[in-house]
Amino acid sequence: MRDYFEQNIVCPHCGHHTRLVVDASEGDQDYYEDCQACCNAIHVCIERDELSDEVRVRVDADDEQYF
């Protein structure tokens, strides 16, 4: 399994394409990165599945409001 790799992502706020360095050696992760173009927070979720030898990277704006 690759522990370190780069993933292309799209900012959910402004659509700017950027590269994200993923460190999957720590298992599942949930953190925020600032967009280099618009400076808004991007919610990054990394899920590591050792059985299928896969790493999934998901990004969202994390600003949905529930009423």
N, C-alpha and C. Protein backbone atom coordinates (compact mmCIF):
# COMPACT_ATOMS: atom_id res chain seq x y z
N MET A 1 0.85 -1.18 0.00
CA MET A 1 0.00 0.00 0.00
C MET A 1 0.89 1.24 0.00
N ARG A 2 0.48 2.22 -0.76
CA ARG A 2 1.21 3.49 -0.79
C ARG A 2 0.82 4.31 0.42
N ASP A 3 1.80 4.70 1.22
CA ASP A 3 1.51 5.53 2.39
C ASP A 3 1.56 7.02 2.06
N TYR A 4 2.43 7.40 1.14
CA TYR A 4 2.57 8.80 0.77
C TYR A 4 2.34 8.94 -0.73
N PHE A 5 1.44 9.83 -1.12
CA PHE A 5 1.22 10.10 -2.53
C PHE A 5 0.56 11.46 -2.68
N GLU A 6 0.50 11.95 -3.92
CA GLU A 6 -0.16 13.22 -4.20
C GLU A 6 -1.47 12.94 -4.92
N GLN A 7 -2.48 13.73 -4.56
CA GLN A 7 -3.81 13.59 -5.15
C GLN A 7 -4.27 14.94 -5.66
N ASN A 8 -4.77 14.99 -6.88
CA ASN A 8 -5.35 16.22 -7.41
C ASN A 8 -6.74 16.38 -6.83
N ILE A 9 -7.04 17.57 -6.30
CA ILE A 9 -8.36 17.86 -5.76
C ILE A 9 -8.87 19.17 -6.35
N VAL A 10 -10.16 19.38 -6.22
CA VAL A 10 -10.80 20.62 -6.68
C VAL A 10 -11.43 21.27 -5.46
N CYS A 11 -11.14 22.55 -5.26
CA CYS A 11 -11.72 23.28 -4.14
C CYS A 11 -13.24 23.33 -4.30
N PRO A 12 -13.99 22.92 -3.28
CA PRO A 12 -15.45 22.95 -3.38
C PRO A 12 -16.03 24.36 -3.33
N HIS A 13 -15.21 25.35 -2.98
CA HIS A 13 -15.67 26.74 -2.90
C HIS A 13 -15.48 27.48 -4.22
N CYS A 14 -14.26 27.40 -4.77
CA CYS A 14 -13.95 28.22 -5.95
C CYS A 14 -13.61 27.42 -7.20
N GLY A 15 -13.43 26.09 -7.07
CA GLY A 15 -13.14 25.26 -8.23
C GLY A 15 -11.68 25.21 -8.62
N HIS A 16 -10.80 25.80 -7.81
CA HIS A 16 -9.36 25.80 -8.10
C HIS A 16 -8.80 24.39 -7.97
N HIS A 17 -8.02 23.94 -8.97
CA HIS A 17 -7.37 22.63 -8.93
C HIS A 17 -6.05 22.76 -8.18
N THR A 18 -5.79 21.84 -7.27
CA THR A 18 -4.56 21.86 -6.50
C THR A 18 -4.14 20.44 -6.17
N ARG A 19 -2.90 20.28 -5.77
CA ARG A 19 -2.37 18.97 -5.39
C ARG A 19 -2.30 18.88 -3.88
N LEU A 20 -2.73 17.75 -3.36
CA LEU A 20 -2.75 17.50 -1.93
C LEU A 20 -1.80 16.34 -1.65
N VAL A 21 -0.86 16.52 -0.74
CA VAL A 21 0.03 15.44 -0.34
C VAL A 21 -0.68 14.63 0.74
N VAL A 22 -0.88 13.34 0.47
CA VAL A 22 -1.62 12.46 1.37
C VAL A 22 -0.64 11.57 2.11
N ASP A 23 -0.74 11.56 3.44
CA ASP A 23 0.04 10.67 4.29
C ASP A 23 -0.93 9.68 4.92
N ALA A 24 -1.04 8.51 4.33
CA ALA A 24 -1.99 7.50 4.80
C ALA A 24 -1.39 6.57 5.84
N SER A 25 -0.16 6.84 6.28
CA SER A 25 0.50 5.96 7.25
C SER A 25 -0.14 6.03 8.63
N GLU A 26 -0.90 7.09 8.91
CA GLU A 26 -1.55 7.26 10.21
C GLU A 26 -2.97 6.72 10.25
N GLY A 27 -3.42 6.04 9.19
CA GLY A 27 -4.77 5.50 9.15
C GLY A 27 -5.78 6.55 8.75
N ASP A 28 -7.02 6.39 9.22
CA ASP A 28 -8.09 7.33 8.89
C ASP A 28 -7.80 8.71 9.47
N GLN A 29 -8.09 9.76 8.68
CA GLN A 29 -7.82 11.13 9.11
C GLN A 29 -8.98 12.02 8.71
N ASP A 30 -9.14 13.10 9.46
CA ASP A 30 -10.19 14.08 9.22
C ASP A 30 -9.61 15.44 9.61
N TYR A 31 -9.35 16.30 8.62
CA TYR A 31 -8.72 17.58 8.92
C TYR A 31 -9.11 18.63 7.89
N TYR A 32 -8.63 19.85 8.08
CA TYR A 32 -8.94 20.97 7.19
C TYR A 32 -7.66 21.52 6.58
N GLU A 33 -7.73 21.84 5.29
CA GLU A 33 -6.67 22.52 4.54
C GLU A 33 -7.26 23.79 3.97
N ASP A 34 -6.48 24.85 3.93
CA ASP A 34 -6.94 26.09 3.31
C ASP A 34 -6.64 26.06 1.81
N CYS A 35 -7.60 26.51 1.02
CA CYS A 35 -7.41 26.61 -0.42
C CYS A 35 -6.36 27.69 -0.71
N GLN A 36 -5.46 27.40 -1.64
CA GLN A 36 -4.41 28.36 -1.98
C GLN A 36 -4.94 29.55 -2.77
N ALA A 37 -6.09 29.39 -3.41
CA ALA A 37 -6.65 30.46 -4.23
C ALA A 37 -7.62 31.35 -3.45
N CYS A 38 -8.59 30.75 -2.75
CA CYS A 38 -9.63 31.55 -2.11
C CYS A 38 -9.52 31.59 -0.57
N CYS A 39 -8.60 30.81 -0.01
CA CYS A 39 -8.31 30.78 1.43
C CYS A 39 -9.47 30.22 2.28
N ASN A 40 -10.48 29.62 1.67
CA ASN A 40 -11.54 28.97 2.44
C ASN A 40 -11.07 27.59 2.88
N ALA A 41 -11.66 27.11 3.97
CA ALA A 41 -11.28 25.80 4.51
C ALA A 41 -11.89 24.67 3.69
N ILE A 42 -11.05 23.68 3.36
CA ILE A 42 -11.49 22.48 2.66
C ILE A 42 -11.43 21.33 3.66
N HIS A 43 -12.55 20.66 3.84
CA HIS A 43 -12.63 19.52 4.75
C HIS A 43 -12.10 18.29 4.02
N VAL A 44 -11.03 17.68 4.54
CA VAL A 44 -10.39 16.52 3.91
C VAL A 44 -10.62 15.29 4.80
N CYS A 45 -11.13 14.23 4.20
CA CYS A 45 -11.32 12.95 4.90
C CYS A 45 -10.51 11.89 4.16
N ILE A 46 -9.64 11.21 4.89
CA ILE A 46 -8.84 10.13 4.33
C ILE A 46 -9.25 8.84 5.02
N GLU A 47 -9.64 7.86 4.23
CA GLU A 47 -10.05 6.56 4.77
C GLU A 47 -9.13 5.49 4.20
N ARG A 48 -8.52 4.73 5.08
CA ARG A 48 -7.60 3.68 4.66
C ARG A 48 -8.24 2.33 4.92
N ASP A 49 -8.35 1.51 3.87
CA ASP A 49 -8.91 0.16 3.97
C ASP A 49 -7.77 -0.82 3.71
N GLU A 50 -7.27 -1.43 4.77
CA GLU A 50 -6.12 -2.33 4.63
C GLU A 50 -6.51 -3.66 3.98
N LEU A 51 -7.76 -4.08 4.11
CA LEU A 51 -8.18 -5.34 3.51
C LEU A 51 -8.17 -5.29 1.99
N SER A 52 -8.68 -4.19 1.43
CA SER A 52 -8.70 -4.06 -0.03
C SER A 52 -7.49 -3.27 -0.55
N ASP A 53 -6.61 -2.84 0.35
CA ASP A 53 -5.39 -2.11 -0.01
C ASP A 53 -5.73 -0.82 -0.79
N GLU A 54 -6.71 -0.06 -0.26
CA GLU A 54 -7.14 1.18 -0.91
C GLU A 54 -7.10 2.34 0.07
N VAL A 55 -6.86 3.52 -0.47
CA VAL A 55 -6.96 4.76 0.29
C VAL A 55 -7.94 5.66 -0.45
N ARG A 56 -8.97 6.13 0.25
CA ARG A 56 -9.97 7.01 -0.34
C ARG A 56 -9.80 8.41 0.24
N VAL A 57 -9.78 9.40 -0.66
CA VAL A 57 -9.67 10.80 -0.26
C VAL A 57 -10.95 11.49 -0.68
N ARG A 58 -11.60 12.17 0.28
CA ARG A 58 -12.85 12.88 0.01
C ARG A 58 -12.69 14.31 0.51
N VAL A 59 -13.14 15.27 -0.29
CA VAL A 59 -13.09 16.68 0.12
C VAL A 59 -14.49 17.27 -0.01
N ASP A 60 -14.81 18.18 0.90
CA ASP A 60 -16.07 18.90 0.80
C ASP A 60 -15.93 20.26 1.47
N ALA A 61 -16.96 21.07 1.33
CA ALA A 61 -16.92 22.43 1.87
C ALA A 61 -17.20 22.44 3.37
N ASP A 62 -17.90 21.43 3.85
CA ASP A 62 -18.26 21.30 5.26
C ASP A 62 -18.96 22.55 5.79
N ASP A 63 -19.75 23.19 4.92
CA ASP A 63 -20.48 24.37 5.37
C ASP A 63 -21.98 24.23 5.13
N GLU A 64 -22.43 22.98 4.95
CA GLU A 64 -23.86 22.78 4.79
C GLU A 64 -24.54 23.07 6.13
N GLN A 65 -25.65 23.75 6.08
CA GLN A 65 -26.37 24.07 7.29
C GLN A 65 -27.67 23.29 7.33
N TYR A 66 -28.00 22.79 8.49
CA TYR A 66 -29.23 22.02 8.68
C TYR A 66 -30.22 22.86 9.43
N PHE A 67 -31.45 22.94 8.89
CA PHE A 67 -32.49 23.73 9.52
C PHE A 67 -33.61 22.83 9.97
